[in-house]
Amino acid sequence: VQLQASGGGLVQPGGSLRLSCVASGNIFRDDVMGWYREAQGSRRELVAVMAKSGNTNYGASVKGRFTISRDYAKGTVNLQMNSLKAEDTAVYFCSYVFGNEVYWGQGTQVTVSS
C-alpha cells in the first residue's frame, strides 16, 4: 500500500486547511484510514481515523474542529481542519491499517502561526 498526502501549509490562527491522502496498491474492504500528527519533541498522536464502516475516532484536542471523510471510490481520506490553533502545528501523517499491517504516508507539514 502506498500513501500520498497533500494539502499542508502555513495558516494563521483561526484559519482552515484541508489535507488529502490517496491510497494505492492492495486496498482491502475492512480497512481504517486516517491521520496522526507529530509535533516537534512530541510523540505521534491520533488526530482522526475512519473505518470503511463509517465509524470515526478523533483525538480529544481536535474534536469539534476537525472532520474526517473518505471517498471510497477514489481511495482517499480527507481531513478538514477548522479553527486552527498554534498547538496544531505538526507534521501530519496519513495512515492505512488493515489487521496488523500499518502503512504511513510521507508526512505533510502544517504550521499555524501569525
Protein backbone atom coordinates (compact mmCIF):
# COMPACT_ATOMS: atom_id res chain seq x y z
CA VAL A 1 0.00 0.00 0.00
CA GLN A 2 1.30 3.42 -0.96
CA LEU A 3 0.02 6.65 0.56
CA GLN A 4 0.40 10.11 -0.95
CA ALA A 5 -0.61 13.06 1.19
CA SER A 6 -1.10 16.68 0.21
CA GLY A 7 -2.56 19.94 1.48
CA GLY A 8 -0.29 21.11 4.27
CA GLY A 9 0.99 24.63 4.61
CA LEU A 10 1.10 27.81 6.65
CA VAL A 11 -2.11 29.27 8.04
CA GLN A 12 -2.99 31.92 10.60
CA PRO A 13 -4.67 31.02 13.89
CA GLY A 14 -8.39 30.57 13.36
CA GLY A 15 -7.90 29.61 9.75
CA SER A 16 -8.64 26.38 7.89
CA LEU A 17 -6.75 23.78 5.90
CA ARG A 18 -7.75 20.59 4.14
CA LEU A 19 -5.48 17.56 3.96
CA SER A 20 -5.96 14.77 1.45
CA CYS A 21 -4.37 11.36 1.13
CA VAL A 22 -4.78 8.82 -1.63
CA ALA A 23 -4.07 5.13 -1.12
CA SER A 24 -3.00 2.75 -3.87
CA GLY A 25 -2.00 -0.88 -4.01
CA ASN A 26 -3.66 -3.76 -2.14
CA ILE A 27 -6.64 -1.92 -0.67
CA PHE A 28 -8.92 -4.17 1.36
CA ARG A 29 -12.52 -3.88 2.38
CA ASP A 30 -12.24 -3.66 6.16
CA ASP A 31 -9.51 -1.12 6.48
CA VAL A 32 -9.07 2.01 8.56
CA MET A 33 -7.59 5.21 7.18
CA GLY A 34 -6.81 8.39 8.98
CA TRP A 35 -4.37 10.94 10.29
CA TYR A 36 -1.82 11.19 13.04
CA ARG A 37 0.50 14.07 13.84
CA GLU A 38 3.87 14.59 15.38
CA ALA A 39 4.82 17.93 16.86
CA GLN A 40 8.47 18.72 17.40
CA GLY A 41 9.72 16.94 20.50
CA SER A 42 6.45 15.04 20.96
CA ARG A 43 5.19 11.55 20.28
CA ARG A 44 2.97 10.77 17.31
CA GLU A 45 -0.65 11.15 18.33
CA LEU A 46 -4.04 10.34 16.90
CA VAL A 47 -5.83 13.08 15.01
CA ALA A 48 -8.70 11.19 13.41
CA VAL A 49 -9.36 7.80 11.83
CA MET A 50 -12.29 6.42 9.92
CA ALA A 51 -13.19 2.81 9.16
CA LYS A 52 -14.89 1.75 5.98
CA SER A 53 -17.94 1.12 8.15
CA GLY A 54 -18.08 4.85 8.73
CA ASN A 55 -17.07 4.69 12.38
CA THR A 56 -14.75 7.52 13.39
CA ASN A 57 -12.41 8.26 16.26
CA TYR A 58 -10.99 11.72 16.98
CA GLY A 59 -8.23 12.91 19.25
CA ALA A 60 -9.60 14.90 22.17
CA SER A 61 -7.85 18.11 21.19
CA VAL A 62 -9.40 18.25 17.70
CA LYS A 63 -12.99 17.20 18.39
CA GLY A 64 -15.45 19.73 17.08
CA ARG A 65 -12.84 21.45 14.92
CA PHE A 66 -11.60 18.73 12.55
CA THR A 67 -13.70 16.48 10.31
CA ILE A 68 -12.52 13.32 8.61
CA SER A 69 -14.12 11.93 5.48
CA ARG A 70 -13.44 9.25 2.92
CA ASP A 71 -14.10 8.83 -0.77
CA TYR A 72 -14.14 5.06 -1.17
CA ALA A 73 -14.32 5.17 -4.96
CA LYS A 74 -11.12 7.24 -5.13
CA GLY A 75 -9.37 5.57 -2.18
CA THR A 76 -8.89 8.88 -0.44
CA VAL A 77 -9.17 10.15 3.11
CA ASN A 78 -9.57 13.85 3.81
CA LEU A 79 -9.16 15.97 6.91
CA GLN A 80 -10.92 19.31 7.11
CA MET A 81 -9.25 21.38 9.80
CA ASN A 82 -11.08 24.47 11.07
CA SER A 83 -10.38 26.93 13.88
CA LEU A 84 -6.71 26.03 13.77
CA LYS A 85 -4.54 26.82 16.76
CA ALA A 86 -0.80 27.22 17.19
CA GLU A 87 -0.74 23.90 19.03
CA ASP A 88 -1.99 22.15 15.88
CA THR A 89 1.41 22.82 14.31
CA ALA A 90 2.93 19.45 13.46
CA VAL A 91 3.81 17.05 10.69
CA TYR A 92 0.64 15.20 9.76
CA PHE A 93 0.87 11.59 8.63
CA CYS A 94 -1.71 9.68 6.66
CA SER A 95 -2.22 6.12 7.88
CA TYR A 96 -3.69 2.93 6.48
CA VAL A 97 -4.39 -0.03 8.72
CA PHE A 98 -5.59 -3.49 7.80
CA GLY A 99 -5.41 -6.09 10.54
CA ASN A 100 -1.85 -5.97 11.88
CA GLU A 101 -0.47 -4.14 8.88
CA VAL A 102 0.16 -0.41 9.26
CA TYR A 103 1.31 1.90 6.49
CA TRP A 104 2.33 5.55 6.72
CA GLY A 105 2.46 8.37 4.22
CA GLN A 106 5.43 10.68 3.91
CA GLY A 107 4.05 13.40 6.19
CA THR A 108 2.93 16.92 5.40
CA GLN A 109 3.81 19.99 7.47
CA VAL A 110 1.04 22.11 8.96
CA THR A 111 2.16 25.35 10.57
CA VAL A 112 -0.29 27.62 12.40
CA SER A 113 1.28 30.99 13.03
CA SER A 114 0.56 34.68 12.69
